[in-house]
Amino acid sequence: FVDARPVQPWMLQARLRETVSRQGIKTVLVVADRRVTTGTLVEVVDQCRLAGASDVGVAVEQEL
């Protein structure tokens, strides 16, 4: 999801670039649940940086 809208993985960088450019915000927070693999998380963070985000944070759901 980007701005609460679903995004296909192949569209992530373009959508993020559009959002970063439009809002002028260079900080992105990636929220992952426990079903996300490490490889997918790394790919999402990389796509955020390629889209122009200079600060990328990661938050995860707390395990109960």
Protein backbone atom coordinates (compact mmCIF):
# COMPACT_ATOMS: atom_id res chain seq x y z
CA PHE A 1 0.00 0.00 0.00
CA VAL A 2 1.10 3.57 -0.70
CA ASP A 3 -1.05 6.30 0.84
CA ALA A 4 -3.60 3.65 1.84
CA ARG A 5 -3.98 2.50 -1.78
CA PRO A 6 -2.94 -0.99 -2.91
CA VAL A 7 0.09 -1.13 -5.19
CA GLN A 8 1.36 -4.00 -7.32
CA PRO A 9 5.05 -4.75 -6.63
CA TRP A 10 6.06 -3.78 -10.17
CA MET A 11 4.45 -0.34 -9.69
CA LEU A 12 5.94 0.42 -6.28
CA GLN A 13 8.87 2.60 -7.36
CA ALA A 14 6.79 4.69 -9.77
CA ARG A 15 4.02 5.25 -7.21
CA LEU A 16 6.52 6.15 -4.50
CA ARG A 17 8.37 8.53 -6.83
CA GLU A 18 5.06 10.23 -7.62
CA THR A 19 4.14 10.50 -3.93
CA VAL A 20 7.59 11.71 -2.82
CA SER A 21 7.61 14.30 -5.61
CA ARG A 22 4.04 15.48 -5.06
CA GLN A 23 4.27 15.76 -1.28
CA GLY A 24 7.91 16.82 -1.11
CA ILE A 25 8.50 14.32 1.68
CA LYS A 26 11.76 12.37 1.60
CA THR A 27 10.92 10.11 4.55
CA VAL A 28 9.12 6.80 4.03
CA LEU A 29 7.92 4.38 6.69
CA VAL A 30 7.60 0.75 5.61
CA VAL A 31 5.21 -1.19 7.85
CA ALA A 32 5.62 -4.96 7.57
CA ASP A 33 3.76 -7.80 9.17
CA ARG A 34 5.29 -11.15 10.08
CA ARG A 35 4.25 -12.72 6.76
CA VAL A 36 6.69 -10.51 4.82
CA THR A 37 9.96 -12.23 3.96
CA THR A 38 13.27 -10.53 4.60
CA GLY A 39 14.00 -10.50 0.87
CA THR A 40 10.73 -8.74 0.11
CA LEU A 41 11.35 -6.18 2.85
CA VAL A 42 14.83 -5.43 1.50
CA GLU A 43 13.41 -5.06 -2.03
CA VAL A 44 10.74 -2.62 -0.79
CA VAL A 45 13.34 -0.53 1.06
CA ASP A 46 15.53 -0.50 -2.07
CA GLN A 47 12.57 0.62 -4.19
CA CYS A 48 11.89 3.44 -1.71
CA ARG A 49 15.45 4.69 -2.02
CA LEU A 50 15.39 4.41 -5.83
CA ALA A 51 12.16 6.46 -5.80
CA GLY A 52 13.92 9.34 -4.06
CA ALA A 53 13.36 8.71 -0.37
CA SER A 54 16.44 9.71 1.62
CA ASP A 55 15.22 8.33 4.94
CA VAL A 56 13.50 4.94 5.06
CA GLY A 57 12.27 3.50 8.33
CA VAL A 58 10.90 0.04 9.00
CA ALA A 59 8.22 -0.84 11.54
CA VAL A 60 7.02 -4.34 12.28
CA GLU A 61 4.00 -5.69 14.05
CA GLN A 62 4.71 -6.71 17.58
CA GLU A 63 4.45 -10.45 18.08
CA LEU A 64 1.99 -11.44 20.78
